[in-house]
Amino acid sequence: MIQFYFLSIVLNALAGYILFSGDETGALKFRGDFSDGFTLKGETFRFVVGILSVIVGLLKLLSPVEGDVPVAGDLVPAITGFLSGFALIFEYYRGRASLDSSEHSEKIDKLLVSNKKIIGMASIAAAVLHFLFPRVLLL
């Protein structure tokens, strides 16, 4: 579906920007109806973007764009959506919950959070390439 194509591009670019920028200061602020401003770096916003990225990544695999190869046609954007979403979700829970320092959480931390700039760059690249070349296999 074309809606998931659009959501995949937007969420990959947004999650990639959040992961790549890395700082928690909220560089982009919106003023308006919000009394204290709305930041793109807020914990809740990052968590929601993470959840939406994972969901859209899954739905992107299940419903390919008409005329595209099922699964393989959307593999890279779906994988980057999963990775960036899981990185944002894990980062949220790591800051909120008192996770035991188990072997599994350390491995996830090392894989996702330590490499979040690389995941962010890959997510932005996948979004740009997916936007520019819609019918290319694996993009």
Foldseek 3Di string as FASTA:
>chain_A
DVVLLVVLLVLLLLLLVQLQVPDQPQPDWDDDPDPVTDGCNDLVNLLVSLVSLQVSLVVCQVDPDPPADHNQQAVQSSVLSNLSSVLSNLVSCVVPPVDDPDPVNVVCCVPRVVCSNVSSVSSNVSSVCCVVPVRDGND
